[in-house]
Amino acid sequence: MVRIKPRHFFLAAIVVALVPGFVSAAKADNTGPDASGRLRLAICQFPISADISKNARRIRGQIQQAKQKNADLVHFPETALSGYARDDHKTLDNLDWGLLRHEMQSIMALAEQTGLWVVLPC
């Protein structure tokens, strides 16, 4: 079984590439998250905005809900934290990269605390 440390979860391409192998391993040797070898996915969506802090609060809330529902992996849409370029931001020139980094670290800490895999493409 391949396990991604929470500090690496934001590398969505790597996580997505490794998850299918994890699912296969869980089915093959029955060492998955539960005795059935099933991987419980939480696919999350919310109205994404240009407000990074608001998006982060929603993401953290959905991670906590996923934990309560015994999910193993939580997946969010692309730019769920930063907001969509051209839709939410005319340009990325004024994006608060420090706030984005801070909120990402907060989400990573929650992923580690809950023990959940989080796919959060930025």
PDB file of N, CA and C in Angstrom:
ATOM      1  N   MET A   1       0.851  -1.178   0.000  1.00  0.00           N
ATOM      2  CA  MET A   1       0.000   0.000   0.000  1.00  0.00           C
ATOM      3  C   MET A   1       0.890   1.232   0.000  1.00  0.00           C
ATOM      4  N   VAL A   2       0.577   2.183  -0.852  1.00  0.00           N
ATOM      5  CA  VAL A   2       1.297   3.439  -0.935  1.00  0.00           C
ATOM      6  C   VAL A   2       0.529   4.470  -0.135  1.00  0.00           C
ATOM      7  N   ARG A   3       1.202   5.152   0.760  1.00  0.00           N
ATOM      8  CA  ARG A   3       0.541   6.156   1.609  1.00  0.00           C
ATOM      9  C   ARG A   3       1.207   7.500   1.367  1.00  0.00           C
ATOM     10  N   ILE A   4       0.418   8.498   1.026  1.00  0.00           N
ATOM     11  CA  ILE A   4       0.910   9.849   0.811  1.00  0.00           C
ATOM     12  C   ILE A   4       0.824  10.600   2.133  1.00  0.00           C
ATOM     13  N   LYS A   5       1.905  11.232   2.525  1.00  0.00           N
ATOM     14  CA  LYS A   5       1.856  12.048   3.734  1.00  0.00           C
ATOM     15  C   LYS A   5       1.025  13.291   3.432  1.00  0.00           C
ATOM     16  N   PRO A   6       0.232  13.773   4.407  1.00  0.00           N
ATOM     17  CA  PRO A   6      -0.636  14.926   4.164  1.00  0.00           C
ATOM     18  C   PRO A   6       0.094  16.131   3.594  1.00  0.00           C
ATOM     19  N   ARG A   7       1.359  16.300   3.904  1.00  0.00           N
ATOM     20  CA  ARG A   7       2.042  17.475   3.379  1.00  0.00           C
ATOM     21  C   ARG A   7       2.224  17.401   1.867  1.00  0.00           C
ATOM     22  N   HIS A   8       1.987  16.234   1.274  1.00  0.00           N
ATOM     23  CA  HIS A   8       2.129  16.081  -0.164  1.00  0.00           C
ATOM     24  C   HIS A   8       0.791  16.017  -0.884  1.00  0.00           C
ATOM     25  N   PHE A   9      -0.310  16.174  -0.162  1.00  0.00           N
ATOM     26  CA  PHE A   9      -1.608  15.949  -0.785  1.00  0.00           C
ATOM     27  C   PHE A   9      -1.940  16.952  -1.868  1.00  0.00           C
ATOM     28  N   PHE A  10      -1.351  18.144  -1.820  1.00  0.00           N
ATOM     29  CA  PHE A  10      -1.681  19.170  -2.785  1.00  0.00           C
ATOM     30  C   PHE A  10      -1.103  18.885  -4.164  1.00  0.00           C
ATOM     31  N   LEU A  11      -0.247  17.897  -4.282  1.00  0.00           N
ATOM     32  CA  LEU A  11       0.274  17.507  -5.584  1.00  0.00           C
ATOM     33  C   LEU A  11      -0.727  16.557  -6.236  1.00  0.00           C
ATOM     34  N   ALA A  12      -1.801  17.127  -6.708  1.00  0.00           N
ATOM     35  CA  ALA A  12      -2.951  16.341  -7.160  1.00  0.00           C
ATOM     36  C   ALA A  12      -2.596  15.327  -8.234  1.00  0.00           C
ATOM     37  N   ALA A  13      -1.737  15.675  -9.152  1.00  0.00           N
ATOM     38  CA  ALA A  13      -1.415  14.735 -10.230  1.00  0.00           C
ATOM     39  C   ALA A  13      -0.761  13.476  -9.670  1.00  0.00           C
ATOM     40  N   ILE A  14       0.098  13.628  -8.673  1.00  0.00           N
ATOM     41  CA  ILE A  14       0.750  12.473  -8.066  1.00  0.00           C
ATOM     42  C   ILE A  14      -0.257  11.651  -7.271  1.00  0.00           C
ATOM     43  N   VAL A  15      -1.089  12.314  -6.486  1.00  0.00           N
ATOM     44  CA  VAL A  15      -2.069  11.593  -5.676  1.00  0.00           C
ATOM     45  C   VAL A  15      -3.019  10.814  -6.572  1.00  0.00           C
ATOM     46  N   VAL A  16      -3.536  11.460  -7.607  1.00  0.00           N
ATOM     47  CA  VAL A  16      -4.478  10.785  -8.497  1.00  0.00           C
ATOM     48  C   VAL A  16      -3.807   9.610  -9.174  1.00  0.00           C
ATOM     49  N   ALA A  17      -2.535   9.740  -9.509  1.00  0.00           N
ATOM     50  CA  ALA A  17      -1.823   8.630 -10.148  1.00  0.00           C
ATOM     51  C   ALA A  17      -1.636   7.468  -9.176  1.00  0.00           C
ATOM     52  N   LEU A  18      -1.460   7.736  -7.897  1.00  0.00           N
ATOM     53  CA  LEU A  18      -1.203   6.676  -6.934  1.00  0.00           C
ATOM     54  C   LEU A  18      -2.462   6.036  -6.367  1.00  0.00           C
ATOM     55  N   VAL A  19      -3.553   6.771  -6.326  1.00  0.00           N
ATOM     56  CA  VAL A  19      -4.767   6.222  -5.726  1.00  0.00           C
ATOM     57  C   VAL A  19      -5.238   4.947  -6.411  1.00  0.00           C
ATOM     58  N   PRO A  20      -5.247   4.841  -7.761  1.00  0.00           N
ATOM     59  CA  PRO A  20      -5.691   3.576  -8.358  1.00  0.00           C
ATOM     60  C   PRO A  20      -4.865   2.383  -7.880  1.00  0.00           C
ATOM     61  N   GLY A  21      -3.581   2.544  -7.699  1.00  0.00           N
ATOM     62  CA  GLY A  21      -2.755   1.458  -7.172  1.00  0.00           C
ATOM     63  C   GLY A  21      -3.159   1.093  -5.756  1.00  0.00           C
ATOM     64  N   PHE A  22      -3.509   2.094  -4.968  1.00  0.00           N
ATOM     65  CA  PHE A  22      -3.957   1.855  -3.600  1.00  0.00           C
ATOM     66  C   PHE A  22      -5.248   1.056  -3.600  1.00  0.00           C
ATOM     67  N   VAL A  23      -6.176   1.449  -4.473  1.00  0.00           N
ATOM     68  CA  VAL A  23      -7.447   0.723  -4.563  1.00  0.00           C
ATOM     69  C   VAL A  23      -7.192  -0.719  -4.962  1.00  0.00           C
ATOM     70  N   SER A  24      -6.332  -0.927  -5.946  1.00  0.00           N
ATOM     71  CA  SER A  24      -6.035  -2.297  -6.380  1.00  0.00           C
ATOM     72  C   SER A  24      -5.419  -3.103  -5.246  1.00  0.00           C
ATOM     73  N   ALA A  25      -4.492  -2.496  -4.518  1.00  0.00           N
ATOM     74  CA  ALA A  25      -3.860  -3.211  -3.410  1.00  0.00           C
ATOM     75  C   ALA A  25      -4.882  -3.542  -2.332  1.00  0.00           C
ATOM     76  N   ALA A  26      -5.781  -2.620  -2.071  1.00  0.00           N
ATOM     77  CA  ALA A  26      -6.799  -2.861  -1.046  1.00  0.00           C
ATOM     78  C   ALA A  26      -7.685  -4.027  -1.450  1.00  0.00           C
ATOM     79  N   LYS A  27      -8.028  -4.138  -2.719  1.00  0.00           N
ATOM     80  CA  LYS A  27      -8.877  -5.224  -3.175  1.00  0.00           C
ATOM     81  C   LYS A  27      -8.104  -6.544  -3.199  1.00  0.00           C
ATOM     82  N   ALA A  28      -6.847  -6.482  -3.564  1.00  0.00           N
ATOM     83  CA  ALA A  28      -6.068  -7.706  -3.733  1.00  0.00           C
ATOM     84  C   ALA A  28      -5.750  -8.394  -2.408  1.00  0.00           C
ATOM     85  N   ASP A  29      -5.351  -7.642  -1.407  1.00  0.00           N
ATOM     86  CA  ASP A  29      -4.924  -8.292  -0.162  1.00  0.00           C
ATOM     87  C   ASP A  29      -5.828  -7.999   1.022  1.00  0.00           C
ATOM     88  N   ASN A  30      -6.936  -7.311   0.777  1.00  0.00           N
ATOM     89  CA  ASN A  30      -7.930  -7.033   1.810  1.00  0.00           C
ATOM     90  C   ASN A  30      -7.360  -6.241   2.980  1.00  0.00           C
ATOM     91  N   THR A  31      -6.400  -5.350   2.694  1.00  0.00           N
ATOM     92  CA  THR A  31      -5.826  -4.521   3.746  1.00  0.00           C
ATOM     93  C   THR A  31      -6.260  -3.070   3.604  1.00  0.00           C
ATOM     94  N   GLY A  32      -7.370  -2.852   2.954  1.00  0.00           N
ATOM     95  CA  GLY A  32      -7.866  -1.496   2.740  1.00  0.00           C
ATOM     96  C   GLY A  32      -8.386  -0.883   4.015  1.00  0.00           C
ATOM     97  N   PRO A  33      -9.004   0.263   3.890  1.00  0.00           N
ATOM     98  CA  PRO A  33      -9.499   0.998   5.047  1.00  0.00           C
ATOM     99  C   PRO A  33     -10.515   0.242   5.879  1.00  0.00           C
ATOM    100  N   ASP A  34     -11.255  -0.693   5.296  1.00  0.00           N
ATOM    101  CA  ASP A  34     -12.172  -1.507   6.085  1.00  0.00           C
ATOM    102  C   ASP A  34     -11.996  -2.970   5.663  1.00  0.00           C
ATOM    103  N   ALA A  35     -12.636  -3.861   6.368  1.00  0.00           N
ATOM    104  CA  ALA A  35     -12.450  -5.286   6.119  1.00  0.00           C
ATOM    105  C   ALA A  35     -12.879  -5.700   4.711  1.00  0.00           C
ATOM    106  N   SER A  36     -13.772  -4.940   4.082  1.00  0.00           N
ATOM    107  CA  SER A  36     -14.228  -5.287   2.738  1.00  0.00           C
ATOM    108  C   SER A  36     -13.211  -4.901   1.676  1.00  0.00           C
ATOM    109  N   GLY A  37     -12.215  -4.100   2.046  1.00  0.00           N
ATOM    110  CA  GLY A  37     -11.226  -3.642   1.084  1.00  0.00           C
ATOM    111  C   GLY A  37     -11.717  -2.478   0.249  1.00  0.00           C
ATOM    112  N   ARG A  38     -12.797  -1.858   0.645  1.00  0.00           N
ATOM    113  CA  ARG A  38     -13.351  -0.732  -0.097  1.00  0.00           C
ATOM    114  C   ARG A  38     -12.718   0.584   0.339  1.00  0.00           C
ATOM    115  N   LEU A  39     -12.613   1.474  -0.602  1.00  0.00           N
ATOM    116  CA  LEU A  39     -12.120   2.818  -0.349  1.00  0.00           C
ATOM    117  C   LEU A  39     -13.316   3.757  -0.455  1.00  0.00           C
ATOM    118  N   ARG A  40     -13.646   4.449   0.626  1.00  0.00           N
ATOM    119  CA  ARG A  40     -14.807   5.352   0.633  1.00  0.00           C
ATOM    120  C   ARG A  40     -14.359   6.747   0.206  1.00  0.00           C
ATOM    121  N   LEU A  41     -14.944   7.236  -0.881  1.00  0.00           N
ATOM    122  CA  LEU A  41     -14.597   8.531  -1.437  1.00  0.00           C
ATOM    123  C   LEU A  41     -15.651   9.566  -1.084  1.00  0.00           C
ATOM    124  N   ALA A  42     -15.207  10.757  -0.755  1.00  0.00           N
ATOM    125  CA  ALA A  42     -16.096  11.895  -0.573  1.00  0.00           C
ATOM    126  C   ALA A  42     -15.778  12.883  -1.693  1.00  0.00           C
ATOM    127  N   ILE A  43     -16.702  13.040  -2.610  1.00  0.00           N
ATOM    128  CA  ILE A  43     -16.529  13.974  -3.716  1.00  0.00           C
ATOM    129  C   ILE A  43     -17.253  15.260  -3.329  1.00  0.00           C
ATOM    130  N   CYS A  44     -16.495  16.331  -3.172  1.00  0.00           N
ATOM    131  CA  CYS A  44     -17.038  17.564  -2.599  1.00  0.00           C
ATOM    132  C   CYS A  44     -17.167  18.666  -3.647  1.00  0.00           C
ATOM    133  N   GLN A  45     -18.157  19.490  -3.441  1.00  0.00           N
ATOM    134  CA  GLN A  45     -18.373  20.637  -4.314  1.00  0.00           C
ATOM    135  C   GLN A  45     -19.067  21.724  -3.503  1.00  0.00           C
ATOM    136  N   PHE A  46     -18.777  22.958  -3.818  1.00  0.00           N
ATOM    137  CA  PHE A  46     -19.426  24.101  -3.180  1.00  0.00           C
ATOM    138  C   PHE A  46     -19.253  25.292  -4.118  1.00  0.00           C
ATOM    139  N   PRO A  47     -19.995  26.390  -3.896  1.00  0.00           N
ATOM    140  CA  PRO A  47     -19.834  27.566  -4.759  1.00  0.00           C
ATOM    141  C   PRO A  47     -18.477  28.229  -4.491  1.00  0.00           C
ATOM    142  N   ILE A  48     -17.544  28.011  -5.364  1.00  0.00           N
ATOM    143  CA  ILE A  48     -16.188  28.556  -5.222  1.00  0.00           C
ATOM    144  C   ILE A  48     -16.222  30.050  -5.512  1.00  0.00           C
ATOM    145  N   SER A  49     -15.455  30.809  -4.715  1.00  0.00           N
ATOM    146  CA  SER A  49     -15.417  32.258  -4.899  1.00  0.00           C
ATOM    147  C   SER A  49     -13.963  32.734  -4.933  1.00  0.00           C
ATOM    148  N   ALA A  50     -13.785  34.026  -5.074  1.00  0.00           N
ATOM    149  CA  ALA A  50     -12.452  34.616  -5.041  1.00  0.00           C
ATOM    150  C   ALA A  50     -11.940  34.763  -3.608  1.00  0.00           C
ATOM    151  N   ASP A  51     -12.787  34.514  -2.624  1.00  0.00           N
ATOM    152  CA  ASP A  51     -12.449  34.669  -1.207  1.00  0.00           C
ATOM    153  C   ASP A  51     -11.759  33.387  -0.707  1.00  0.00           C
ATOM    154  N   ILE A  52     -10.450  33.421  -0.632  1.00  0.00           N
ATOM    155  CA  ILE A  52      -9.658  32.250  -0.254  1.00  0.00           C
ATOM    156  C   ILE A  52     -10.038  31.755   1.132  1.00  0.00           C
ATOM    157  N   SER A  53     -10.207  32.655   2.084  1.00  0.00           N
ATOM    158  CA  SER A  53     -10.548  32.244   3.457  1.00  0.00           C
ATOM    159  C   SER A  53     -11.916  31.568   3.514  1.00  0.00           C
ATOM    160  N   LYS A  54     -12.868  32.104   2.778  1.00  0.00           N
ATOM    161  CA  LYS A  54     -14.204  31.506   2.735  1.00  0.00           C
ATOM    162  C   LYS A  54     -14.143  30.113   2.108  1.00  0.00           C
ATOM    163  N   ASN A  55     -13.413  29.983   1.008  1.00  0.00           N
ATOM    164  CA  ASN A  55     -13.246  28.676   0.370  1.00  0.00           C
ATOM    165  C   ASN A  55     -12.585  27.693   1.332  1.00  0.00           C
ATOM    166  N   ALA A  56     -11.578  28.150   2.055  1.00  0.00           N
ATOM    167  CA  ALA A  56     -10.855  27.286   2.998  1.00  0.00           C
ATOM    168  C   ALA A  56     -11.777  26.811   4.120  1.00  0.00           C
ATOM    169  N   ARG A  57     -12.618  27.697   4.636  1.00  0.00           N
ATOM    170  CA  ARG A  57     -13.577  27.289   5.669  1.00  0.00           C
ATOM    171  C   ARG A  57     -14.512  26.201   5.147  1.00  0.00           C
ATOM    172  N   ARG A  58     -14.976  26.371   3.926  1.00  0.00           N
ATOM    173  CA  ARG A  58     -15.860  25.358   3.328  1.00  0.00           C
ATOM    174  C   ARG A  58     -15.125  24.038   3.129  1.00  0.00           C
ATOM    175  N   ILE A  59     -13.892  24.106   2.683  1.00  0.00           N
ATOM    176  CA  ILE A  59     -13.088  22.896   2.474  1.00  0.00           C
ATOM    177  C   ILE A  59     -12.877  22.175   3.798  1.00  0.00           C
ATOM    178  N   ARG A  60     -12.484  22.914   4.834  1.00  0.00           N
ATOM    179  CA  ARG A  60     -12.275  22.286   6.144  1.00  0.00           C
ATOM    180  C   ARG A  60     -13.572  21.673   6.667  1.00  0.00           C
ATOM    181  N   GLY A  61     -14.686  22.369   6.477  1.00  0.00           N
ATOM    182  CA  GLY A  61     -15.979  21.835   6.909  1.00  0.00           C
ATOM    183  C   GLY A  61     -16.323  20.542   6.187  1.00  0.00           C
ATOM    184  N   GLN A  62     -16.050  20.494   4.890  1.00  0.00           N
ATOM    185  CA  GLN A  62     -16.361  19.276   4.135  1.00  0.00           C
ATOM    186  C   GLN A  62     -15.406  18.138   4.483  1.00  0.00           C
ATOM    187  N   ILE A  63     -14.174  18.459   4.825  1.00  0.00           N
ATOM    188  CA  ILE A  63     -13.249  17.418   5.297  1.00  0.00           C
ATOM    189  C   ILE A  63     -13.779  16.826   6.603  1.00  0.00           C
ATOM    190  N   GLN A  64     -14.235  17.682   7.505  1.00  0.00           N
ATOM    191  CA  GLN A  64     -14.776  17.185   8.777  1.00  0.00           C
ATOM    192  C   GLN A  64     -16.033  16.355   8.563  1.00  0.00           C
ATOM    193  N   GLN A  65     -16.898  16.768   7.633  1.00  0.00           N
ATOM    194  CA  GLN A  65     -18.084  15.973   7.315  1.00  0.00           C
ATOM    195  C   GLN A  65     -17.684  14.613   6.735  1.00  0.00           C
ATOM    196  N   ALA A  66     -16.687  14.620   5.872  1.00  0.00           N
ATOM    197  CA  ALA A  66     -16.218  13.367   5.267  1.00  0.00           C
ATOM    198  C   ALA A  66     -15.684  12.424   6.338  1.00  0.00           C
ATOM    199  N   LYS A  67     -14.983  12.961   7.324  1.00  0.00           N
ATOM    200  CA  LYS A  67     -14.473  12.140   8.423  1.00  0.00           C
ATOM    201  C   LYS A  67     -15.635  11.534   9.210  1.00  0.00           C
ATOM    202  N   GLN A  68     -16.665  12.332   9.492  1.00  0.00           N
ATOM    203  CA  GLN A  68     -17.834  11.842  10.228  1.00  0.00           C
ATOM    204  C   GLN A  68     -18.558  10.740   9.477  1.00  0.00           C
ATOM    205  N   LYS A  69     -18.466  10.772   8.148  1.00  0.00           N
ATOM    206  CA  LYS A  69     -19.142   9.765   7.329  1.00  0.00           C
ATOM    207  C   LYS A  69     -18.193   8.620   6.944  1.00  0.00           C
ATOM    208  N   ASN A  70     -17.053   8.545   7.633  1.00  0.00           N
ATOM    209  CA  ASN A  70     -16.083   7.460   7.454  1.00  0.00           C
ATOM    210  C   ASN A  70     -15.467   7.391   6.068  1.00  0.00           C
ATOM    211  N   ALA A  71     -15.266   8.534   5.432  1.00  0.00           N
ATOM    212  CA  ALA A  71     -14.581   8.556   4.137  1.00  0.00           C
ATOM    213  C   ALA A  71     -13.094   8.285   4.356  1.00  0.00           C
ATOM    214  N   ASP A  72     -12.433   7.827   3.310  1.00  0.00           N
ATOM    215  CA  ASP A  72     -10.991   7.603   3.338  1.00  0.00           C
ATOM    216  C   ASP A  72     -10.258   8.660   2.515  1.00  0.00           C
ATOM    217  N   LEU A  73     -10.905   9.123   1.446  1.00  0.00           N
ATOM    218  CA  LEU A  73     -10.316  10.093   0.540  1.00  0.00           C
ATOM    219  C   LEU A  73     -11.351  11.168   0.249  1.00  0.00           C
ATOM    220  N   VAL A  74     -10.921  12.429   0.282  1.00  0.00           N
ATOM    221  CA  VAL A  74     -11.794  13.569   0.015  1.00  0.00           C
ATOM    222  C   VAL A  74     -11.272  14.265  -1.231  1.00  0.00           C
ATOM    223  N   HIS A  75     -12.143  14.461  -2.223  1.00  0.00           N
ATOM    224  CA  HIS A  75     -11.735  15.071  -3.487  1.00  0.00           C
ATOM    225  C   HIS A  75     -12.484  16.381  -3.710  1.00  0.00           C
ATOM    226  N   PHE A  76     -11.741  17.413  -4.086  1.00  0.00           N
ATOM    227  CA  PHE A  76     -12.310  18.731  -4.365  1.00  0.00           C
ATOM    228  C   PHE A  76     -12.039  19.105  -5.817  1.00  0.00           C
ATOM    229  N   PRO A  77     -12.857  20.006  -6.393  1.00  0.00           N
ATOM    230  CA  PRO A  77     -12.628  20.442  -7.774  1.00  0.00           C
ATOM    231  C   PRO A  77     -11.398  21.340  -7.878  1.00  0.00           C
ATOM    232  N   GLU A  78     -10.923  21.477  -9.094  1.00  0.00           N
ATOM    233  CA  GLU A  78      -9.759  22.333  -9.318  1.00  0.00           C
ATOM    234  C   GLU A  78     -10.049  23.755  -8.864  1.00  0.00           C
ATOM    235  N   THR A  79      -9.060  24.414  -8.377  1.00  0.00           N
ATOM    236  CA  THR A  79      -9.076  25.792  -7.868  1.00  0.00           C
ATOM    237  C   THR A  79     -10.110  26.028  -6.766  1.00  0.00           C
ATOM    238  N   ALA A  80     -10.463  24.982  -6.037  1.00  0.00           N
ATOM    239  CA  ALA A  80     -11.443  25.128  -4.958  1.00  0.00           C
ATOM    240  C   ALA A  80     -10.957  26.098  -3.889  1.00  0.00           C
ATOM    241  N   LEU A  81      -9.666  26.184  -3.687  1.00  0.00           N
ATOM    242  CA  LEU A  81      -9.142  27.084  -2.658  1.00  0.00           C
ATOM    243  C   LEU A  81      -8.924  28.496  -3.204  1.00  0.00           C
ATOM    244  N   SER A  82      -8.313  28.618  -4.344  1.00  0.00           N
ATOM    245  CA  SER A  82      -7.936  29.936  -4.866  1.00  0.00           C
ATOM    246  C   SER A  82      -9.047  30.659  -5.609  1.00  0.00           C
ATOM    247  N   GLY A  83      -9.994  29.920  -6.160  1.00  0.00           N
ATOM    248  CA  GLY A  83     -10.992  30.523  -7.045  1.00  0.00           C
ATOM    249  C   GLY A  83     -10.511  30.409  -8.482  1.00  0.00           C
ATOM    250  N   TYR A  84     -11.438  30.468  -9.410  1.00  0.00           N
ATOM    251  CA  TYR A  84     -11.119  30.289 -10.826  1.00  0.00           C
ATOM    252  C   TYR A  84     -10.529  31.544 -11.440  1.00  0.00           C
ATOM    253  N   ALA A  85      -9.436  31.381 -12.146  1.00  0.00           N
ATOM    254  CA  ALA A  85      -8.862  32.490 -12.907  1.00  0.00           C
ATOM    255  C   ALA A  85      -9.857  32.875 -13.994  1.00  0.00           C
ATOM    256  N   ARG A  86      -9.956  34.141 -14.254  1.00  0.00           N
ATOM    257  CA  ARG A  86     -10.858  34.749 -15.232  1.00  0.00           C
ATOM    258  C   ARG A  86     -12.317  34.756 -14.796  1.00  0.00           C
ATOM    259  N   ASP A  87     -12.759  33.787 -13.992  1.00  0.00           N
ATOM    260  CA  ASP A  87     -14.138  33.827 -13.486  1.00  0.00           C
ATOM    261  C   ASP A  87     -14.191  34.582 -12.170  1.00  0.00           C
ATOM    262  N   ASP A  88     -13.346  34.184 -11.220  1.00  0.00           N
ATOM    263  CA  ASP A  88     -13.318  34.818  -9.904  1.00  0.00           C
ATOM    264  C   ASP A  88     -12.259  35.912  -9.811  1.00  0.00           C
ATOM    265  N   HIS A  89     -11.218  35.795 -10.617  1.00  0.00           N
ATOM    266  CA  HIS A  89     -10.120  36.770 -10.639  1.00  0.00           C
ATOM    267  C   HIS A  89      -9.906  37.207 -12.080  1.00  0.00           C
ATOM    268  N   LYS A  90      -9.887  38.502 -12.321  1.00  0.00           N
ATOM    269  CA  LYS A  90      -9.605  38.964 -13.688  1.00  0.00           C
ATOM    270  C   LYS A  90      -8.178  38.599 -14.071  1.00  0.00           C
ATOM    271  N   THR A  91      -7.269  38.752 -13.124  1.00  0.00           N
ATOM    272  CA  THR A  91      -5.883  38.299 -13.299  1.00  0.00           C
ATOM    273  C   THR A  91      -5.436  37.730 -11.955  1.00  0.00           C
ATOM    274  N   LEU A  92      -4.326  37.044 -11.948  1.00  0.00           N
ATOM    275  CA  LEU A  92      -3.776  36.520 -10.696  1.00  0.00           C
ATOM    276  C   LEU A  92      -2.747  37.473 -10.091  1.00  0.00           C
ATOM    277  N   ASP A  93      -2.625  38.664 -10.673  1.00  0.00           N
ATOM    278  CA  ASP A  93      -1.649  39.640 -10.191  1.00  0.00           C
ATOM    279  C   ASP A  93      -1.886  40.029  -8.733  1.00  0.00           C
ATOM    280  N   ASN A  94      -3.136  40.084  -8.298  1.00  0.00           N
ATOM    281  CA  ASN A  94      -3.449  40.512  -6.933  1.00  0.00           C
ATOM    282  C   ASN A  94      -3.809  39.356  -6.014  1.00  0.00           C
ATOM    283  N   LEU A  95      -3.581  38.139  -6.452  1.00  0.00           N
ATOM    284  CA  LEU A  95      -3.876  36.985  -5.600  1.00  0.00           C
ATOM    285  C   LEU A  95      -2.976  37.020  -4.370  1.00  0.00           C
ATOM    286  N   ASP A  96      -3.548  36.800  -3.216  1.00  0.00           N
ATOM    287  CA  ASP A  96      -2.795  36.815  -1.962  1.00  0.00           C
ATOM    288  C   ASP A  96      -2.136  35.451  -1.773  1.00  0.00           C
ATOM    289  N   TRP A  97      -0.941  35.309  -2.298  1.00  0.00           N
ATOM    290  CA  TRP A  97      -0.229  34.024  -2.271  1.00  0.00           C
ATOM    291  C   TRP A  97       0.121  33.613  -0.846  1.00  0.00           C
ATOM    292  N   GLY A  98       0.394  34.583   0.015  1.00  0.00           N
ATOM    293  CA  GLY A  98       0.675  34.273   1.416  1.00  0.00           C
ATOM    294  C   GLY A  98      -0.534  33.675   2.121  1.00  0.00           C
ATOM    295  N   LEU A  99      -1.715  34.247   1.878  1.00  0.00           N
ATOM    296  CA  LEU A  99      -2.944  33.716   2.448  1.00  0.00           C
ATOM    297  C   LEU A  99      -3.239  32.330   1.868  1.00  0.00           C
ATOM    298  N   LEU A 100      -3.035  32.167   0.571  1.00  0.00           N
ATOM    299  CA  LEU A 100      -3.253  30.871  -0.064  1.00  0.00           C
ATOM    300  C   LEU A 100      -2.359  29.811   0.584  1.00  0.00           C
ATOM    301  N   ARG A 101      -1.094  30.150   0.799  1.00  0.00           N
ATOM    302  CA  ARG A 101      -0.153  29.225   1.446  1.00  0.00           C
ATOM    303  C   ARG A 101      -0.591  28.916   2.881  1.00  0.00           C
ATOM    304  N   HIS A 102      -1.000  29.938   3.615  1.00  0.00           N
ATOM    305  CA  HIS A 102      -1.445  29.765   5.000  1.00  0.00           C
ATOM    306  C   HIS A 102      -2.663  28.837   5.074  1.00  0.00           C
ATOM    307  N   GLU A 103      -3.654  29.089   4.232  1.00  0.00           N
ATOM    308  CA  GLU A 103      -4.870  28.269   4.246  1.00  0.00           C
ATOM    309  C   GLU A 103      -4.565  26.841   3.789  1.00  0.00           C
ATOM    310  N   MET A 104      -3.661  26.689   2.830  1.00  0.00           N
ATOM    311  CA  MET A 104      -3.277  25.348   2.379  1.00  0.00           C
ATOM    312  C   MET A 104      -2.622  24.583   3.530  1.00  0.00           C
ATOM    313  N   GLN A 105      -1.761  25.245   4.282  1.00  0.00           N
ATOM    314  CA  GLN A 105      -1.115  24.593   5.423  1.00  0.00           C
ATOM    315  C   GLN A 105      -2.142  24.206   6.483  1.00  0.00           C
ATOM    316  N   SER A 106      -3.141  25.032   6.682  1.00  0.00           N
ATOM    317  CA  SER A 106      -4.204  24.729   7.632  1.00  0.00           C
ATOM    318  C   SER A 106      -4.995  23.496   7.185  1.00  0.00           C
ATOM    319  N   ILE A 107      -5.291  23.421   5.909  1.00  0.00           N
ATOM    320  CA  ILE A 107      -6.017  22.272   5.368  1.00  0.00           C
ATOM    321  C   ILE A 107      -5.153  21.014   5.452  1.00  0.00           C
ATOM    322  N   MET A 108      -3.871  21.145   5.177  1.00  0.00           N
ATOM    323  CA  MET A 108      -2.962  20.005   5.286  1.00  0.00           C
ATOM    324  C   MET A 108      -2.891  19.500   6.730  1.00  0.00           C
ATOM    325  N   ALA A 109      -2.884  20.414   7.684  1.00  0.00           N
ATOM    326  CA  ALA A 109      -2.863  20.014   9.095  1.00  0.00           C
ATOM    327  C   ALA A 109      -4.136  19.258   9.458  1.00  0.00           C
ATOM    328  N   LEU A 110      -5.275  19.714   8.935  1.00  0.00           N
ATOM    329  CA  LEU A 110      -6.535  19.016   9.195  1.00  0.00           C
ATOM    330  C   LEU A 110      -6.534  17.633   8.541  1.00  0.00           C
ATOM    331  N   ALA A 111      -5.970  17.532   7.352  1.00  0.00           N
ATOM    332  CA  ALA A 111      -5.867  16.227   6.685  1.00  0.00           C
ATOM    333  C   ALA A 111      -5.045  15.268   7.545  1.00  0.00           C
ATOM    334  N   GLU A 112      -3.950  15.760   8.090  1.00  0.00           N
ATOM    335  CA  GLU A 112      -3.123  14.918   8.954  1.00  0.00           C
ATOM    336  C   GLU A 112      -3.873  14.553  10.232  1.00  0.00           C
ATOM    337  N   GLN A 113      -4.551  15.506  10.824  1.00  0.00           N
ATOM    338  CA  GLN A 113      -5.297  15.279  12.067  1.00  0.00           C
ATOM    339  C   GLN A 113      -6.400  14.241  11.868  1.00  0.00           C
ATOM    340  N   THR A 114      -7.112  14.321  10.754  1.00  0.00           N
ATOM    341  CA  THR A 114      -8.218  13.401  10.503  1.00  0.00           C
ATOM    342  C   THR A 114      -7.757  12.079   9.907  1.00  0.00           C
ATOM    343  N   GLY A 115      -6.537  12.044   9.373  1.00  0.00           N
ATOM    344  CA  GLY A 115      -6.039  10.833   8.737  1.00  0.00           C
ATOM    345  C   GLY A 115      -6.637  10.588   7.366  1.00  0.00           C
ATOM    346  N   LEU A 116      -7.237  11.617   6.773  1.00  0.00           N
ATOM    347  CA  LEU A 116      -7.853  11.470   5.460  1.00  0.00           C
ATOM    348  C   LEU A 116      -6.872  11.821   4.350  1.00  0.00           C
ATOM    349  N   TRP A 117      -7.042  11.173   3.214  1.00  0.00           N
ATOM    350  CA  TRP A 117      -6.347  11.570   1.992  1.00  0.00           C
ATOM    351  C   TRP A 117      -7.167  12.710   1.410  1.00  0.00           C
ATOM    352  N   VAL A 118      -6.508  13.777   0.978  1.00  0.00           N
ATOM    353  CA  VAL A 118      -7.210  14.925   0.406  1.00  0.00           C
ATOM    354  C   VAL A 118      -6.615  15.244  -0.945  1.00  0.00           C
ATOM    355  N   VAL A 119      -7.466  15.327  -1.961  1.00  0.00           N
ATOM    356  CA  VAL A 119      -7.056  15.748  -3.295  1.00  0.00           C
ATOM    357  C   VAL A 119      -7.631  17.130  -3.494  1.00  0.00           C
ATOM    358  N   LEU A 120      -6.750  18.118  -3.521  1.00  0.00           N
ATOM    359  CA  LEU A 120      -7.164  19.520  -3.642  1.00  0.00           C
ATOM    360  C   LEU A 120      -6.320  20.175  -4.727  1.00  0.00           C
ATOM    361  N   PRO A 121      -6.737  20.034  -5.989  1.00  0.00           N
ATOM    362  CA  PRO A 121      -5.962  20.657  -7.081  1.00  0.00           C
ATOM    363  C   PRO A 121      -6.022  22.166  -6.979  1.00  0.00           C
ATOM    364  N   CYS A 122      -4.884  22.813  -7.039  1.00  0.00           N
ATOM    365  CA  CYS A 122      -4.833  24.278  -6.893  1.00  0.00           C
ATOM    366  C   CYS A 122      -4.860  24.964  -8.235  1.00  0.00           C
TER     367      CYS A 122
END
